[in-house]
Amino acid sequence: MQVGSIVKSSHIAVPQGAVGIVTRILGNMAMVRWYAGQPGASRELNTEPFFLEDLEDTGDILPAGASLTLQ
């Protein structure tokens, strides 16, 4: 998992069907920007820290030059 990885989670704090983008990794935690559905094509929900073990890496990475701004 790396910055820009697209993730999902079954954690209780994440709405069902939400998709996130990892914006920062520090140790065993990641800041994730969550979206109601596909990032960039759906409403942004929030940004929260999560343990890496609570995230499912989809294997997709935000394409270079995408219109989403990572902080």
PDB file of N, CA and C in Angstrom:
ATOM      1  N   MET A   1       0.857  -1.174   0.000  1.00  0.00           N
ATOM      2  CA  MET A   1       0.000   0.000   0.000  1.00  0.00           C
ATOM      3  C   MET A   1       0.897   1.229   0.000  1.00  0.00           C
ATOM      4  N   GLN A   2       0.481   2.234  -0.754  1.00  0.00           N
ATOM      5  CA  GLN A   2       1.258   3.464  -0.862  1.00  0.00           C
ATOM      6  C   GLN A   2       0.313   4.644  -1.001  1.00  0.00           C
ATOM      7  N   VAL A   3       0.872   5.846  -0.914  1.00  0.00           N
ATOM      8  CA  VAL A   3       0.054   7.044  -1.129  1.00  0.00           C
ATOM      9  C   VAL A   3      -0.527   6.966  -2.534  1.00  0.00           C
ATOM     10  N   GLY A   4      -1.829   7.186  -2.631  1.00  0.00           N
ATOM     11  CA  GLY A   4      -2.520   7.087  -3.909  1.00  0.00           C
ATOM     12  C   GLY A   4      -3.244   5.764  -4.100  1.00  0.00           C
ATOM     13  N   SER A   5      -3.000   4.787  -3.204  1.00  0.00           N
ATOM     14  CA  SER A   5      -3.695   3.502  -3.305  1.00  0.00           C
ATOM     15  C   SER A   5      -5.190   3.695  -3.066  1.00  0.00           C
ATOM     16  N   ILE A   6      -5.984   2.985  -3.827  1.00  0.00           N
ATOM     17  CA  ILE A   6      -7.434   3.020  -3.662  1.00  0.00           C
ATOM     18  C   ILE A   6      -7.809   1.832  -2.785  1.00  0.00           C
ATOM     19  N   VAL A   7      -8.570   2.132  -1.722  1.00  0.00           N
ATOM     20  CA  VAL A   7      -8.869   1.127  -0.715  1.00  0.00           C
ATOM     21  C   VAL A   7     -10.363   1.048  -0.405  1.00  0.00           C
ATOM     22  N   LYS A   8     -10.735  -0.055   0.217  1.00  0.00           N
ATOM     23  CA  LYS A   8     -12.077  -0.259   0.763  1.00  0.00           C
ATOM     24  C   LYS A   8     -11.893  -0.749   2.183  1.00  0.00           C
ATOM     25  N   SER A   9     -12.974  -0.782   2.967  1.00  0.00           N
ATOM     26  CA  SER A   9     -12.889  -1.293   4.317  1.00  0.00           C
ATOM     27  C   SER A   9     -14.252  -1.780   4.778  1.00  0.00           C
ATOM     28  N   SER A  10     -14.236  -2.811   5.602  1.00  0.00           N
ATOM     29  CA  SER A  10     -15.481  -3.279   6.211  1.00  0.00           C
ATOM     30  C   SER A  10     -15.586  -2.759   7.646  1.00  0.00           C
ATOM     31  N   HIS A  11     -14.704  -1.817   8.016  1.00  0.00           N
ATOM     32  CA  HIS A  11     -14.715  -1.216   9.349  1.00  0.00           C
ATOM     33  C   HIS A  11     -16.048  -0.515   9.586  1.00  0.00           C
ATOM     34  N   ILE A  12     -16.542  -0.550  10.803  1.00  0.00           N
ATOM     35  CA  ILE A  12     -17.840   0.024  11.152  1.00  0.00           C
ATOM     36  C   ILE A  12     -17.919   1.530  10.862  1.00  0.00           C
ATOM     37  N   ALA A  13     -16.788   2.224  10.859  1.00  0.00           N
ATOM     38  CA  ALA A  13     -16.769   3.672  10.630  1.00  0.00           C
ATOM     39  C   ALA A  13     -16.876   4.044   9.150  1.00  0.00           C
ATOM     40  N   VAL A  14     -16.806   3.053   8.264  1.00  0.00           N
ATOM     41  CA  VAL A  14     -16.831   3.311   6.824  1.00  0.00           C
ATOM     42  C   VAL A  14     -18.180   2.868   6.254  1.00  0.00           C
ATOM     43  N   PRO A  15     -18.918   3.788   5.623  1.00  0.00           N
ATOM     44  CA  PRO A  15     -20.195   3.396   5.026  1.00  0.00           C
ATOM     45  C   PRO A  15     -20.013   2.310   3.963  1.00  0.00           C
ATOM     46  N   GLN A  16     -20.977   1.407   3.901  1.00  0.00           N
ATOM     47  CA  GLN A  16     -20.918   0.330   2.919  1.00  0.00           C
ATOM     48  C   GLN A  16     -20.831   0.902   1.508  1.00  0.00           C
ATOM     49  N   GLY A  17     -19.922   0.392   0.708  1.00  0.00           N
ATOM     50  CA  GLY A  17     -19.752   0.833  -0.666  1.00  0.00           C
ATOM     51  C   GLY A  17     -18.802   2.004  -0.832  1.00  0.00           C
ATOM     52  N   ALA A  18     -18.317   2.563   0.281  1.00  0.00           N
ATOM     53  CA  ALA A  18     -17.386   3.697   0.191  1.00  0.00           C
ATOM     54  C   ALA A  18     -16.032   3.227  -0.328  1.00  0.00           C
ATOM     55  N   VAL A  19     -15.373   4.115  -1.054  1.00  0.00           N
ATOM     56  CA  VAL A  19     -14.043   3.858  -1.609  1.00  0.00           C
ATOM     57  C   VAL A  19     -13.145   4.991  -1.149  1.00  0.00           C
ATOM     58  N   GLY A  20     -11.913   4.662  -0.761  1.00  0.00           N
ATOM     59  CA  GLY A  20     -11.006   5.684  -0.250  1.00  0.00           C
ATOM     60  C   GLY A  20      -9.715   5.754  -1.023  1.00  0.00           C
ATOM     61  N   ILE A  21      -9.026   6.874  -0.821  1.00  0.00           N
ATOM     62  CA  ILE A  21      -7.699   7.076  -1.393  1.00  0.00           C
ATOM     63  C   ILE A  21      -6.753   7.377  -0.232  1.00  0.00           C
ATOM     64  N   VAL A  22      -5.662   6.629  -0.164  1.00  0.00           N
ATOM     65  CA  VAL A  22      -4.656   6.859   0.873  1.00  0.00           C
ATOM     66  C   VAL A  22      -3.918   8.148   0.529  1.00  0.00           C
ATOM     67  N   THR A  23      -3.935   9.099   1.471  1.00  0.00           N
ATOM     68  CA  THR A  23      -3.276  10.380   1.233  1.00  0.00           C
ATOM     69  C   THR A  23      -1.970  10.533   1.996  1.00  0.00           C
ATOM     70  N   ARG A  24      -1.772   9.697   3.028  1.00  0.00           N
ATOM     71  CA  ARG A  24      -0.549   9.778   3.833  1.00  0.00           C
ATOM     72  C   ARG A  24      -0.414   8.484   4.611  1.00  0.00           C
ATOM     73  N   ILE A  25       0.819   8.002   4.767  1.00  0.00           N
ATOM     74  CA  ILE A  25       1.085   6.810   5.572  1.00  0.00           C
ATOM     75  C   ILE A  25       2.120   7.181   6.621  1.00  0.00           C
ATOM     76  N   LEU A  26       1.836   6.807   7.867  1.00  0.00           N
ATOM     77  CA  LEU A  26       2.771   7.046   8.959  1.00  0.00           C
ATOM     78  C   LEU A  26       2.768   5.795   9.839  1.00  0.00           C
ATOM     79  N   GLY A  27       3.831   5.032   9.757  1.00  0.00           N
ATOM     80  CA  GLY A  27       3.919   3.800  10.531  1.00  0.00           C
ATOM     81  C   GLY A  27       2.863   2.804  10.095  1.00  0.00           C
ATOM     82  N   ASN A  28       2.009   2.384  11.055  1.00  0.00           N
ATOM     83  CA  ASN A  28       0.981   1.401  10.749  1.00  0.00           C
ATOM     84  C   ASN A  28      -0.387   2.043  10.528  1.00  0.00           C
ATOM     85  N   MET A  29      -0.394   3.356  10.274  1.00  0.00           N
ATOM     86  CA  MET A  29      -1.651   4.065  10.030  1.00  0.00           C
ATOM     87  C   MET A  29      -1.598   4.818   8.704  1.00  0.00           C
ATOM     88  N   ALA A  30      -2.794   5.042   8.153  1.00  0.00           N
ATOM     89  CA  ALA A  30      -2.908   5.792   6.903  1.00  0.00           C
ATOM     90  C   ALA A  30      -4.051   6.783   7.022  1.00  0.00           C
ATOM     91  N   MET A  31      -3.866   7.975   6.452  1.00  0.00           N
ATOM     92  CA  MET A  31      -4.960   8.921   6.312  1.00  0.00           C
ATOM     93  C   MET A  31      -5.665   8.561   5.012  1.00  0.00           C
ATOM     94  N   VAL A  32      -6.988   8.431   5.101  1.00  0.00           N
ATOM     95  CA  VAL A  32      -7.771   8.009   3.942  1.00  0.00           C
ATOM     96  C   VAL A  32      -8.871   9.023   3.681  1.00  0.00           C
ATOM     97  N   ARG A  33      -8.966   9.468   2.447  1.00  0.00           N
ATOM     98  CA  ARG A  33     -10.049  10.357   2.003  1.00  0.00           C
ATOM     99  C   ARG A  33     -11.126   9.459   1.402  1.00  0.00           C
ATOM    100  N   TRP A  34     -12.298   9.424   2.070  1.00  0.00           N
ATOM    101  CA  TRP A  34     -13.378   8.524   1.664  1.00  0.00           C
ATOM    102  C   TRP A  34     -14.381   9.204   0.749  1.00  0.00           C
ATOM    103  N   TYR A  35     -14.915   8.429  -0.188  1.00  0.00           N
ATOM    104  CA  TYR A  35     -15.929   8.877  -1.141  1.00  0.00           C
ATOM    105  C   TYR A  35     -17.105   7.912  -1.091  1.00  0.00           C
ATOM    106  N   ALA A  36     -18.300   8.412  -1.386  1.00  0.00           N
ATOM    107  CA  ALA A  36     -19.512   7.583  -1.361  1.00  0.00           C
ATOM    108  C   ALA A  36     -19.440   6.452  -2.380  1.00  0.00           C
ATOM    109  N   GLY A  37     -18.685   6.640  -3.420  1.00  0.00           N
ATOM    110  CA  GLY A  37     -18.514   5.636  -4.475  1.00  0.00           C
ATOM    111  C   GLY A  37     -17.162   5.846  -5.114  1.00  0.00           C
ATOM    112  N   GLN A  38     -17.128   5.892  -6.414  1.00  0.00           N
ATOM    113  CA  GLN A  38     -15.878   6.074  -7.155  1.00  0.00           C
ATOM    114  C   GLN A  38     -15.272   7.445  -6.852  1.00  0.00           C
ATOM    115  N   PRO A  39     -14.007   7.500  -6.405  1.00  0.00           N
ATOM    116  CA  PRO A  39     -13.354   8.784  -6.133  1.00  0.00           C
ATOM    117  C   PRO A  39     -13.359   9.685  -7.366  1.00  0.00           C
ATOM    118  N   GLY A  40     -13.709  10.930  -7.161  1.00  0.00           N
ATOM    119  CA  GLY A  40     -13.758  11.896  -8.245  1.00  0.00           C
ATOM    120  C   GLY A  40     -15.090  11.938  -8.969  1.00  0.00           C
ATOM    121  N   ALA A  41     -15.900  10.872  -8.823  1.00  0.00           N
ATOM    122  CA  ALA A  41     -17.193  10.814  -9.496  1.00  0.00           C
ATOM    123  C   ALA A  41     -18.339  10.754  -8.490  1.00  0.00           C
ATOM    124  N   SER A  42     -18.001  10.820  -7.209  1.00  0.00           N
ATOM    125  CA  SER A  42     -19.033  10.777  -6.171  1.00  0.00           C
ATOM    126  C   SER A  42     -18.684  11.756  -5.048  1.00  0.00           C
ATOM    127  N   ARG A  43     -19.610  11.925  -4.155  1.00  0.00           N
ATOM    128  CA  ARG A  43     -19.482  12.886  -3.059  1.00  0.00           C
ATOM    129  C   ARG A  43     -18.370  12.471  -2.096  1.00  0.00           C
ATOM    130  N   GLU A  44     -17.526  13.454  -1.705  1.00  0.00           N
ATOM    131  CA  GLU A  44     -16.498  13.201  -0.704  1.00  0.00           C
ATOM    132  C   GLU A  44     -17.163  13.111   0.662  1.00  0.00           C
ATOM    133  N   LEU A  45     -16.818  12.098   1.442  1.00  0.00           N
ATOM    134  CA  LEU A  45     -17.420  11.905   2.757  1.00  0.00           C
ATOM    135  C   LEU A  45     -16.589  12.550   3.857  1.00  0.00           C
ATOM    136  N   ASN A  46     -15.362  12.107   4.054  1.00  0.00           N
ATOM    137  CA  ASN A  46     -14.488  12.649   5.089  1.00  0.00           C
ATOM    138  C   ASN A  46     -13.079  12.099   4.909  1.00  0.00           C
ATOM    139  N   THR A  47     -12.169  12.578   5.743  1.00  0.00           N
ATOM    140  CA  THR A  47     -10.800  12.076   5.757  1.00  0.00           C
ATOM    141  C   THR A  47     -10.505  11.649   7.180  1.00  0.00           C
ATOM    142  N   GLU A  48     -10.070  10.417   7.353  1.00  0.00           N
ATOM    143  CA  GLU A  48      -9.841   9.873   8.688  1.00  0.00           C
ATOM    144  C   GLU A  48      -8.605   8.990   8.711  1.00  0.00           C
ATOM    145  N   PRO A  49      -7.987   8.846   9.900  1.00  0.00           N
ATOM    146  CA  PRO A  49      -6.874   7.891  10.031  1.00  0.00           C
ATOM    147  C   PRO A  49      -7.409   6.485  10.258  1.00  0.00           C
ATOM    148  N   PHE A  50      -6.758   5.502   9.661  1.00  0.00           N
ATOM    149  CA  PHE A  50      -7.120   4.096   9.834  1.00  0.00           C
ATOM    150  C   PHE A  50      -5.858   3.274   9.973  1.00  0.00           C
ATOM    151  N   PHE A  51      -5.954   2.189  10.756  1.00  0.00           N
ATOM    152  CA  PHE A  51      -4.856   1.237  10.795  1.00  0.00           C
ATOM    153  C   PHE A  51      -4.801   0.528   9.447  1.00  0.00           C
ATOM    154  N   LEU A  52      -3.595   0.289   8.962  1.00  0.00           N
ATOM    155  CA  LEU A  52      -3.425  -0.383   7.674  1.00  0.00           C
ATOM    156  C   LEU A  52      -4.143  -1.735   7.648  1.00  0.00           C
ATOM    157  N   GLU A  53      -4.191  -2.416   8.780  1.00  0.00           N
ATOM    158  CA  GLU A  53      -4.831  -3.738   8.835  1.00  0.00           C
ATOM    159  C   GLU A  53      -6.340  -3.668   8.612  1.00  0.00           C
ATOM    160  N   ASP A  54      -6.948  -2.475   8.770  1.00  0.00           N
ATOM    161  CA  ASP A  54      -8.393  -2.311   8.555  1.00  0.00           C
ATOM    162  C   ASP A  54      -8.744  -1.929   7.121  1.00  0.00           C
ATOM    163  N   LEU A  55      -7.722  -1.818   6.264  1.00  0.00           N
ATOM    164  CA  LEU A  55      -7.946  -1.393   4.886  1.00  0.00           C
ATOM    165  C   LEU A  55      -7.712  -2.548   3.918  1.00  0.00           C
ATOM    166  N   GLU A  56      -8.525  -2.617   2.880  1.00  0.00           N
ATOM    167  CA  GLU A  56      -8.351  -3.592   1.802  1.00  0.00           C
ATOM    168  C   GLU A  56      -7.827  -2.849   0.585  1.00  0.00           C
ATOM    169  N   ASP A  57      -6.618  -3.155   0.187  1.00  0.00           N
ATOM    170  CA  ASP A  57      -6.037  -2.533  -1.001  1.00  0.00           C
ATOM    171  C   ASP A  57      -6.675  -3.169  -2.231  1.00  0.00           C
ATOM    172  N   THR A  58      -7.276  -2.346  -3.092  1.00  0.00           N
ATOM    173  CA  THR A  58      -7.937  -2.882  -4.287  1.00  0.00           C
ATOM    174  C   THR A  58      -6.943  -3.223  -5.390  1.00  0.00           C
ATOM    175  N   GLY A  59      -5.695  -2.783  -5.212  1.00  0.00           N
ATOM    176  CA  GLY A  59      -4.688  -3.005  -6.243  1.00  0.00           C
ATOM    177  C   GLY A  59      -4.625  -1.871  -7.247  1.00  0.00           C
ATOM    178  N   ASP A  60      -5.571  -0.918  -7.125  1.00  0.00           N
ATOM    179  CA  ASP A  60      -5.585   0.240  -8.021  1.00  0.00           C
ATOM    180  C   ASP A  60      -4.857   1.401  -7.359  1.00  0.00           C
ATOM    181  N   ILE A  61      -4.283   2.244  -8.177  1.00  0.00           N
ATOM    182  CA  ILE A  61      -3.588   3.433  -7.697  1.00  0.00           C
ATOM    183  C   ILE A  61      -4.115   4.622  -8.468  1.00  0.00           C
ATOM    184  N   LEU A  62      -4.295   5.741  -7.767  1.00  0.00           N
ATOM    185  CA  LEU A  62      -4.749   6.966  -8.403  1.00  0.00           C
ATOM    186  C   LEU A  62      -3.811   7.292  -9.559  1.00  0.00           C
ATOM    187  N   PRO A  63      -4.318   7.437 -10.783  1.00  0.00           N
ATOM    188  CA  PRO A  63      -3.452   7.704 -11.932  1.00  0.00           C
ATOM    189  C   PRO A  63      -2.709   9.041 -11.793  1.00  0.00           C
ATOM    190  N   ALA A  64      -1.494   9.065 -12.287  1.00  0.00           N
ATOM    191  CA  ALA A  64      -0.712  10.310 -12.277  1.00  0.00           C
ATOM    192  C   ALA A  64      -1.458  11.362 -13.072  1.00  0.00           C
ATOM    193  N   GLY A  65      -1.532  12.562 -12.544  1.00  0.00           N
ATOM    194  CA  GLY A  65      -2.210  13.654 -13.234  1.00  0.00           C
ATOM    195  C   GLY A  65      -3.702  13.668 -13.026  1.00  0.00           C
ATOM    196  N   ALA A  66      -4.219  12.826 -12.138  1.00  0.00           N
ATOM    197  CA  ALA A  66      -5.669  12.806 -11.865  1.00  0.00           C
ATOM    198  C   ALA A  66      -6.081  14.136 -11.264  1.00  0.00           C
ATOM    199  N   SER A  67      -7.364  14.468 -11.395  1.00  0.00           N
ATOM    200  CA  SER A  67      -7.850  15.773 -10.947  1.00  0.00           C
ATOM    201  C   SER A  67      -8.009  15.883  -9.440  1.00  0.00           C
ATOM    202  N   LEU A  68      -7.876  14.784  -8.696  1.00  0.00           N
ATOM    203  CA  LEU A  68      -7.966  14.833  -7.238  1.00  0.00           C
ATOM    204  C   LEU A  68      -6.638  15.325  -6.675  1.00  0.00           C
ATOM    205  N   THR A  69      -6.693  16.203  -5.676  1.00  0.00           N
ATOM    206  CA  THR A  69      -5.488  16.744  -5.081  1.00  0.00           C
ATOM    207  C   THR A  69      -5.200  16.008  -3.784  1.00  0.00           C
ATOM    208  N   LEU A  70      -4.072  15.343  -3.700  1.00  0.00           N
ATOM    209  CA  LEU A  70      -3.659  14.669  -2.474  1.00  0.00           C
ATOM    210  C   LEU A  70      -2.885  15.639  -1.609  1.00  0.00           C
ATOM    211  N   GLN A  71      -3.149  15.593  -0.311  1.00  0.00           N
ATOM    212  CA  GLN A  71      -2.446  16.477   0.616  1.00  0.00           C
ATOM    213  C   GLN A  71      -1.564  15.688   1.525  1.00  0.00           C
TER     214      GLN A  71
END
